[in-house]
């Protein structure tokens, strides 16, 4: 094992672009980890129009974008940079 990232919430989705590992949690949080050492690059709470939501699926897309499928049936586009 090269590294591990521990959290208080279960992960609901995971994807990577090779440089970062993106993790969605059942609490509505989204985190980007450094793929080399597991350090947190950024962390945010997902919301649509100010209302919290939870990501159930993640897909890294071309152009530095992260696509997020949410529990309420939406697909969000989130910048990764």
PDB file of N, CA and C in Angstrom:
ATOM      1  N   UNK A   1       0.845  -1.164   0.000  1.00  0.00           N
ATOM      2  CA  UNK A   1       0.000   0.000   0.000  1.00  0.00           C
ATOM      3  C   UNK A   1       0.897   1.237   0.000  1.00  0.00           C
ATOM      4  N   UNK A   2       0.625   2.172  -0.889  1.00  0.00           N
ATOM      5  CA  UNK A   2       1.406   3.416  -0.957  1.00  0.00           C
ATOM      6  C   UNK A   2       0.900   4.450   0.026  1.00  0.00           C
ATOM      7  N   UNK A   3      -0.429   4.575   0.164  1.00  0.00           N
ATOM      8  CA  UNK A   3      -1.022   5.530   1.095  1.00  0.00           C
ATOM      9  C   UNK A   3      -2.467   5.128   1.353  1.00  0.00           C
ATOM     10  N   UNK A   4      -3.042   5.722   2.379  1.00  0.00           N
ATOM     11  CA  UNK A   4      -4.463   5.548   2.646  1.00  0.00           C
ATOM     12  C   UNK A   4      -5.039   6.870   3.138  1.00  0.00           C
ATOM     13  N   UNK A   5      -6.309   7.048   2.880  1.00  0.00           N
ATOM     14  CA  UNK A   5      -7.021   8.247   3.325  1.00  0.00           C
ATOM     15  C   UNK A   5      -8.185   7.785   4.184  1.00  0.00           C
ATOM     16  N   UNK A   6      -8.233   8.246   5.413  1.00  0.00           N
ATOM     17  CA  UNK A   6      -9.301   7.849   6.329  1.00  0.00           C
ATOM     18  C   UNK A   6     -10.279   9.009   6.490  1.00  0.00           C
ATOM     19  N   UNK A   7     -11.553   8.658   6.626  1.00  0.00           N
ATOM     20  CA  UNK A   7     -12.600   9.658   6.781  1.00  0.00           C
ATOM     21  C   UNK A   7     -13.699   9.112   7.699  1.00  0.00           C
ATOM     22  N   UNK A   8     -14.529   9.979   8.173  1.00  0.00           N
ATOM     23  CA  UNK A   8     -15.635   9.577   9.044  1.00  0.00           C
ATOM     24  C   UNK A   8     -16.888   9.167   8.270  1.00  0.00           C
ATOM     25  N   UNK A   9     -16.875   9.328   6.946  1.00  0.00           N
ATOM     26  CA  UNK A   9     -18.062   9.066   6.138  1.00  0.00           C
ATOM     27  C   UNK A   9     -17.753   8.054   5.041  1.00  0.00           C
ATOM     28  N   UNK A  10     -18.695   7.167   4.725  1.00  0.00           N
ATOM     29  CA  UNK A  10     -18.493   6.219   3.632  1.00  0.00           C
ATOM     30  C   UNK A  10     -18.408   6.922   2.278  1.00  0.00           C
ATOM     31  N   UNK A  11     -17.523   6.422   1.437  1.00  0.00           N
ATOM     32  CA  UNK A  11     -17.403   6.925   0.067  1.00  0.00           C
ATOM     33  C   UNK A  11     -18.532   6.341  -0.778  1.00  0.00           C
ATOM     34  N   UNK A  12     -19.122   7.171  -1.636  1.00  0.00           N
ATOM     35  CA  UNK A  12     -20.182   6.714  -2.535  1.00  0.00           C
ATOM     36  C   UNK A  12     -19.697   6.601  -3.972  1.00  0.00           C
ATOM     37  N   UNK A  13     -18.584   7.279  -4.306  1.00  0.00           N
ATOM     38  CA  UNK A  13     -18.060   7.241  -5.673  1.00  0.00           C
ATOM     39  C   UNK A  13     -16.587   7.621  -5.660  1.00  0.00           C
ATOM     40  N   UNK A  14     -15.872   7.172  -6.701  1.00  0.00           N
ATOM     41  CA  UNK A  14     -14.431   7.387  -6.792  1.00  0.00           C
ATOM     42  C   UNK A  14     -14.023   7.383  -8.254  1.00  0.00           C
ATOM     43  N   UNK A  15     -13.128   8.302  -8.636  1.00  0.00           N
ATOM     44  CA  UNK A  15     -12.526   8.286  -9.973  1.00  0.00           C
ATOM     45  C   UNK A  15     -11.196   9.016  -9.898  1.00  0.00           C
ATOM     46  N   UNK A  16     -10.357   8.828 -10.908  1.00  0.00           N
ATOM     47  CA  UNK A  16      -9.050   9.471 -10.941  1.00  0.00           C
ATOM     48  C   UNK A  16      -8.704   9.924 -12.357  1.00  0.00           C
ATOM     49  N   UNK A  17      -7.889  10.972 -12.437  1.00  0.00           N
ATOM     50  CA  UNK A  17      -7.342  11.404 -13.718  1.00  0.00           C
ATOM     51  C   UNK A  17      -5.850  11.084 -13.788  1.00  0.00           C
ATOM     52  N   UNK A  18      -5.348  10.359 -12.802  1.00  0.00           N
ATOM     53  CA  UNK A  18      -3.938  10.006 -12.734  1.00  0.00           C
ATOM     54  C   UNK A  18      -3.143  10.914 -11.816  1.00  0.00           C
ATOM     55  N   UNK A  19      -3.531  12.185 -11.729  1.00  0.00           N
ATOM     56  CA  UNK A  19      -2.881  13.140 -10.841  1.00  0.00           C
ATOM     57  C   UNK A  19      -3.645  13.300  -9.532  1.00  0.00           C
ATOM     58  N   UNK A  20      -4.971  13.263  -9.615  1.00  0.00           N
ATOM     59  CA  UNK A  20      -5.831  13.409  -8.446  1.00  0.00           C
ATOM     60  C   UNK A  20      -6.792  12.236  -8.372  1.00  0.00           C
ATOM     61  N   UNK A  21      -7.201  11.915  -7.147  1.00  0.00           N
ATOM     62  CA  UNK A  21      -8.250  10.931  -6.896  1.00  0.00           C
ATOM     63  C   UNK A  21      -9.432  11.715  -6.328  1.00  0.00           C
ATOM     64  N   UNK A  22     -10.584  11.602  -6.969  1.00  0.00           N
ATOM     65  CA  UNK A  22     -11.781  12.328  -6.560  1.00  0.00           C
ATOM     66  C   UNK A  22     -12.702  11.370  -5.822  1.00  0.00           C
ATOM     67  N   UNK A  23     -13.183  11.798  -4.646  1.00  0.00           N
ATOM     68  CA  UNK A  23     -14.012  10.941  -3.805  1.00  0.00           C
ATOM     69  C   UNK A  23     -15.261  11.717  -3.391  1.00  0.00           C
ATOM     70  N   UNK A  24     -16.426  11.105  -3.606  1.00  0.00           N
ATOM     71  CA  UNK A  24     -17.690  11.649  -3.103  1.00  0.00           C
ATOM     72  C   UNK A  24     -18.072  10.832  -1.877  1.00  0.00           C
ATOM     73  N   UNK A  25     -18.665  11.503  -0.887  1.00  0.00           N
ATOM     74  CA  UNK A  25     -19.052  10.854   0.365  1.00  0.00           C
ATOM     75  C   UNK A  25     -20.557  10.952   0.579  1.00  0.00           C
ATOM     76  N   UNK A  26     -21.107  10.041   1.381  1.00  0.00           N
ATOM     77  CA  UNK A  26     -22.549  10.034   1.610  1.00  0.00           C
ATOM     78  C   UNK A  26     -23.043  11.241   2.409  1.00  0.00           C
ATOM     79  N   UNK A  27     -22.146  12.037   2.961  1.00  0.00           N
ATOM     80  CA  UNK A  27     -22.526  13.257   3.689  1.00  0.00           C
ATOM     81  C   UNK A  27     -22.665  14.461   2.757  1.00  0.00           C
ATOM     82  N   UNK A  28     -22.382  14.280   1.452  1.00  0.00           N
ATOM     83  CA  UNK A  28     -22.482  15.366   0.493  1.00  0.00           C
ATOM     84  C   UNK A  28     -21.171  16.061   0.209  1.00  0.00           C
ATOM     85  N   UNK A  29     -20.081  15.583   0.760  1.00  0.00           N
ATOM     86  CA  UNK A  29     -18.775  16.191   0.543  1.00  0.00           C
ATOM     87  C   UNK A  29     -18.116  15.617  -0.708  1.00  0.00           C
ATOM     88  N   UNK A  30     -17.210  16.396  -1.273  1.00  0.00           N
ATOM     89  CA  UNK A  30     -16.397  15.996  -2.417  1.00  0.00           C
ATOM     90  C   UNK A  30     -14.969  16.392  -2.112  1.00  0.00           C
ATOM     91  N   UNK A  31     -14.034  15.446  -2.283  1.00  0.00           N
ATOM     92  CA  UNK A  31     -12.634  15.681  -1.954  1.00  0.00           C
ATOM     93  C   UNK A  31     -11.754  15.270  -3.122  1.00  0.00           C
ATOM     94  N   UNK A  32     -10.707  16.052  -3.362  1.00  0.00           N
ATOM     95  CA  UNK A  32      -9.671  15.688  -4.324  1.00  0.00           C
ATOM     96  C   UNK A  32      -8.401  15.386  -3.539  1.00  0.00           C
ATOM     97  N   UNK A  33      -7.845  14.202  -3.777  1.00  0.00           N
ATOM     98  CA  UNK A  33      -6.620  13.770  -3.115  1.00  0.00           C
ATOM     99  C   UNK A  33      -5.489  13.711  -4.119  1.00  0.00           C
ATOM    100  N   UNK A  34      -4.276  13.990  -3.689  1.00  0.00           N
ATOM    101  CA  UNK A  34      -3.099  13.832  -4.525  1.00  0.00           C
ATOM    102  C   UNK A  34      -2.894  12.333  -4.757  1.00  0.00           C
ATOM    103  N   UNK A  35      -2.815  11.909  -6.010  1.00  0.00           N
ATOM    104  CA  UNK A  35      -2.695  10.488  -6.322  1.00  0.00           C
ATOM    105  C   UNK A  35      -1.361   9.905  -5.880  1.00  0.00           C
ATOM    106  N   UNK A  36      -0.332  10.733  -5.724  1.00  0.00           N
ATOM    107  CA  UNK A  36       0.983  10.233  -5.322  1.00  0.00           C
ATOM    108  C   UNK A  36       1.095   9.960  -3.836  1.00  0.00           C
ATOM    109  N   UNK A  37       0.513  10.843  -3.007  1.00  0.00           N
ATOM    110  CA  UNK A  37       0.720  10.690  -1.565  1.00  0.00           C
ATOM    111  C   UNK A  37      -0.569  10.708  -0.728  1.00  0.00           C
ATOM    112  N   UNK A  38      -1.731  10.906  -1.349  1.00  0.00           N
ATOM    113  CA  UNK A  38      -2.998  10.882  -0.634  1.00  0.00           C
ATOM    114  C   UNK A  38      -3.355  12.146   0.121  1.00  0.00           C
ATOM    115  N   UNK A  39      -2.529  13.184   0.001  1.00  0.00           N
ATOM    116  CA  UNK A  39      -2.833  14.437   0.699  1.00  0.00           C
ATOM    117  C   UNK A  39      -4.050  15.119   0.063  1.00  0.00           C
ATOM    118  N   UNK A  40      -4.781  15.859   0.867  1.00  0.00           N
ATOM    119  CA  UNK A  40      -5.991  16.542   0.397  1.00  0.00           C
ATOM    120  C   UNK A  40      -5.597  17.763  -0.430  1.00  0.00           C
ATOM    121  N   UNK A  41      -6.063  17.813  -1.672  1.00  0.00           N
ATOM    122  CA  UNK A  41      -5.846  18.982  -2.533  1.00  0.00           C
ATOM    123  C   UNK A  41      -6.938  20.017  -2.304  1.00  0.00           C
ATOM    124  N   UNK A  42      -8.185  19.566  -2.231  1.00  0.00           N
ATOM    125  CA  UNK A  42      -9.301  20.437  -1.889  1.00  0.00           C
ATOM    126  C   UNK A  42     -10.460  19.591  -1.394  1.00  0.00           C
ATOM    127  N   UNK A  43     -11.372  20.277  -0.715  1.00  0.00           N
ATOM    128  CA  UNK A  43     -12.539  19.614  -0.122  1.00  0.00           C
ATOM    129  C   UNK A  43     -13.697  20.608  -0.176  1.00  0.00           C
ATOM    130  N   UNK A  44     -14.870  20.141  -0.570  1.00  0.00           N
ATOM    131  CA  UNK A  44     -16.023  21.028  -0.662  1.00  0.00           C
ATOM    132  C   UNK A  44     -17.309  20.256  -0.368  1.00  0.00           C
ATOM    133  N   UNK A  45     -18.342  20.974  -0.048  1.00  0.00           N
ATOM    134  CA  UNK A  45     -19.676  20.393   0.111  1.00  0.00           C
ATOM    135  C   UNK A  45     -20.440  20.611  -1.188  1.00  0.00           C
ATOM    136  N   UNK A  46     -21.058  19.569  -1.705  1.00  0.00           N
ATOM    137  CA  UNK A  46     -21.840  19.692  -2.934  1.00  0.00           C
ATOM    138  C   UNK A  46     -23.181  20.352  -2.645  1.00  0.00           C
ATOM    139  N   UNK A  47     -23.556  21.275  -3.511  1.00  0.00           N
ATOM    140  CA  UNK A  47     -24.849  21.946  -3.391  1.00  0.00           C
ATOM    141  C   UNK A  47     -25.314  22.379  -4.777  1.00  0.00           C
ATOM    142  N   UNK A  48     -26.627  22.396  -4.953  1.00  0.00           N
ATOM    143  CA  UNK A  48     -27.244  22.877  -6.182  1.00  0.00           C
ATOM    144  C   UNK A  48     -28.222  23.971  -5.778  1.00  0.00           C
ATOM    145  N   UNK A  49     -27.952  25.185  -6.213  1.00  0.00           N
ATOM    146  CA  UNK A  49     -28.818  26.303  -5.845  1.00  0.00           C
ATOM    147  C   UNK A  49     -28.893  26.516  -4.343  1.00  0.00           C
ATOM    148  N   UNK A  50     -27.816  26.217  -3.646  1.00  0.00           N
ATOM    149  CA  UNK A  50     -27.767  26.380  -2.204  1.00  0.00           C
ATOM    150  C   UNK A  50     -28.287  25.190  -1.411  1.00  0.00           C
ATOM    151  N   UNK A  51     -28.898  24.214  -2.081  1.00  0.00           N
ATOM    152  CA  UNK A  51     -29.413  23.018  -1.395  1.00  0.00           C
ATOM    153  C   UNK A  51     -28.376  21.904  -1.462  1.00  0.00           C
ATOM    154  N   UNK A  52     -28.041  21.300  -0.333  1.00  0.00           N
ATOM    155  CA  UNK A  52     -27.040  20.232  -0.333  1.00  0.00           C
ATOM    156  C   UNK A  52     -27.505  19.009  -1.118  1.00  0.00           C
ATOM    157  N   UNK A  53     -26.546  18.305  -1.695  1.00  0.00           N
ATOM    158  CA  UNK A  53     -26.827  17.070  -2.427  1.00  0.00           C
ATOM    159  C   UNK A  53     -25.674  16.102  -2.217  1.00  0.00           C
ATOM    160  N   UNK A  54     -25.864  14.862  -2.631  1.00  0.00           N
ATOM    161  CA  UNK A  54     -24.851  13.824  -2.467  1.00  0.00           C
ATOM    162  C   UNK A  54     -24.502  13.233  -3.822  1.00  0.00           C
ATOM    163  N   UNK A  55     -23.211  13.126  -4.104  1.00  0.00           N
ATOM    164  CA  UNK A  55     -22.756  12.505  -5.339  1.00  0.00           C
ATOM    165  C   UNK A  55     -22.768  10.989  -5.215  1.00  0.00           C
ATOM    166  N   UNK A  56     -23.387  10.319  -6.195  1.00  0.00           N
ATOM    167  CA  UNK A  56     -23.427   8.857  -6.217  1.00  0.00           C
ATOM    168  C   UNK A  56     -22.515   8.263  -7.273  1.00  0.00           C
ATOM    169  N   UNK A  57     -22.098   9.079  -8.251  1.00  0.00           N
ATOM    170  CA  UNK A  57     -21.173   8.605  -9.279  1.00  0.00           C
ATOM    171  C   UNK A  57     -20.290   9.760  -9.715  1.00  0.00           C
ATOM    172  N   UNK A  58     -19.054   9.434 -10.083  1.00  0.00           N
ATOM    173  CA  UNK A  58     -18.083  10.424 -10.560  1.00  0.00           C
ATOM    174  C   UNK A  58     -17.467   9.922 -11.854  1.00  0.00           C
ATOM    175  N   UNK A  59     -17.184  10.843 -12.769  1.00  0.00           N
ATOM    176  CA  UNK A  59     -16.486  10.506 -14.004  1.00  0.00           C
ATOM    177  C   UNK A  59     -15.602  11.683 -14.391  1.00  0.00           C
ATOM    178  N   UNK A  60     -14.308  11.425 -14.519  1.00  0.00           N
ATOM    179  CA  UNK A  60     -13.397  12.450 -14.995  1.00  0.00           C
ATOM    180  C   UNK A  60     -13.615  12.596 -16.498  1.00  0.00           C
ATOM    181  N   UNK A  61     -13.797  13.832 -16.963  1.00  0.00           N
ATOM    182  CA  UNK A  61     -14.063  14.119 -18.367  1.00  0.00           C
ATOM    183  C   UNK A  61     -12.938  14.982 -18.927  1.00  0.00           C
ATOM    184  N   UNK A  62     -12.787  15.020 -20.253  1.00  0.00           N
ATOM    185  CA  UNK A  62     -11.751  15.862 -20.851  1.00  0.00           C
ATOM    186  C   UNK A  62     -11.923  17.333 -20.475  1.00  0.00           C
ATOM    187  N   UNK A  63     -10.833  18.054 -20.520  1.00  0.00           N
ATOM    188  CA  UNK A  63     -10.882  19.492 -20.281  1.00  0.00           C
ATOM    189  C   UNK A  63     -10.886  19.880 -18.817  1.00  0.00           C
ATOM    190  N   UNK A  64     -10.406  18.994 -17.936  1.00  0.00           N
ATOM    191  CA  UNK A  64     -10.347  19.333 -16.521  1.00  0.00           C
ATOM    192  C   UNK A  64     -11.696  19.437 -15.856  1.00  0.00           C
ATOM    193  N   UNK A  65     -12.615  18.544 -16.239  1.00  0.00           N
ATOM    194  CA  UNK A  65     -13.966  18.562 -15.684  1.00  0.00           C
ATOM    195  C   UNK A  65     -14.242  17.259 -14.953  1.00  0.00           C
ATOM    196  N   UNK A  66     -15.077  17.350 -13.941  1.00  0.00           N
ATOM    197  CA  UNK A  66     -15.539  16.180 -13.210  1.00  0.00           C
ATOM    198  C   UNK A  66     -17.054  16.154 -13.302  1.00  0.00           C
ATOM    199  N   UNK A  67     -17.602  15.054 -13.790  1.00  0.00           N
ATOM    200  CA  UNK A  67     -19.050  14.906 -13.890  1.00  0.00           C
ATOM    201  C   UNK A  67     -19.535  14.134 -12.669  1.00  0.00           C
ATOM    202  N   UNK A  68     -20.584  14.632 -12.039  1.00  0.00           N
ATOM    203  CA  UNK A  68     -21.086  14.070 -10.787  1.00  0.00           C
ATOM    204  C   UNK A  68     -22.561  13.735 -10.944  1.00  0.00           C
ATOM    205  N   UNK A  69     -22.911  12.472 -10.769  1.00  0.00           N
ATOM    206  CA  UNK A  69     -24.312  12.058 -10.729  1.00  0.00           C
ATOM    207  C   UNK A  69     -24.788  12.143  -9.296  1.00  0.00           C
ATOM    208  N   UNK A  70     -25.883  12.830  -9.057  1.00  0.00           N
ATOM    209  CA  UNK A  70     -26.338  13.086  -7.682  1.00  0.00           C
ATOM    210  C   UNK A  70     -27.531  12.206  -7.300  1.00  0.00           C
ATOM    211  N   UNK A  71     -27.751  12.134  -6.002  1.00  0.00           N
ATOM    212  CA  UNK A  71     -28.837  11.341  -5.444  1.00  0.00           C
ATOM    213  C   UNK A  71     -30.208  11.856  -5.891  1.00  0.00           C
ATOM    214  N   UNK A  72     -30.297  13.137  -6.233  1.00  0.00           N
ATOM    215  CA  UNK A  72     -31.579  13.715  -6.669  1.00  0.00           C
ATOM    216  C   UNK A  72     -31.729  13.710  -8.185  1.00  0.00           C
ATOM    217  N   UNK A  73     -30.933  12.906  -8.901  1.00  0.00           N
ATOM    218  CA  UNK A  73     -31.122  12.693 -10.338  1.00  0.00           C
ATOM    219  C   UNK A  73     -30.477  13.736 -11.239  1.00  0.00           C
ATOM    220  N   UNK A  74     -29.577  14.526 -10.739  1.00  0.00           N
ATOM    221  CA  UNK A  74     -28.908  15.541 -11.552  1.00  0.00           C
ATOM    222  C   UNK A  74     -27.529  15.061 -11.967  1.00  0.00           C
ATOM    223  N   UNK A  75     -27.021  15.657 -13.045  1.00  0.00           N
ATOM    224  CA  UNK A  75     -25.625  15.485 -13.429  1.00  0.00           C
ATOM    225  C   UNK A  75     -24.983  16.855 -13.371  1.00  0.00           C
ATOM    226  N   UNK A  76     -23.973  16.991 -12.525  1.00  0.00           N
ATOM    227  CA  UNK A  76     -23.279  18.261 -12.339  1.00  0.00           C
ATOM    228  C   UNK A  76     -21.930  18.218 -13.033  1.00  0.00           C
ATOM    229  N   UNK A  77     -21.505  19.357 -13.528  1.00  0.00           N
ATOM    230  CA  UNK A  77     -20.159  19.506 -14.078  1.00  0.00           C
ATOM    231  C   UNK A  77     -19.364  20.364 -13.096  1.00  0.00           C
ATOM    232  N   UNK A  78     -18.238  19.839 -12.631  1.00  0.00           N
ATOM    233  CA  UNK A  78     -17.440  20.517 -11.621  1.00  0.00           C
ATOM    234  C   UNK A  78     -16.022  20.685 -12.138  1.00  0.00           C
ATOM    235  N   UNK A  79     -15.453  21.888 -12.074  1.00  0.00           N
ATOM    236  CA  UNK A  79     -14.061  22.071 -12.522  1.00  0.00           C
ATOM    237  C   UNK A  79     -13.099  21.392 -11.553  1.00  0.00           C
ATOM    238  N   UNK A  80     -12.073  20.752 -12.066  1.00  0.00           N
ATOM    239  CA  UNK A  80     -11.121  20.062 -11.203  1.00  0.00           C
ATOM    240  C   UNK A  80      -9.901  20.904 -10.890  1.00  0.00           C
ATOM    241  N   UNK A  81      -9.710  21.986 -11.593  1.00  0.00           N
ATOM    242  CA  UNK A  81      -8.517  22.803 -11.387  1.00  0.00           C
ATOM    243  C   UNK A  81      -8.682  23.917 -10.414  1.00  0.00           C
TER     244      UNK A  81
END
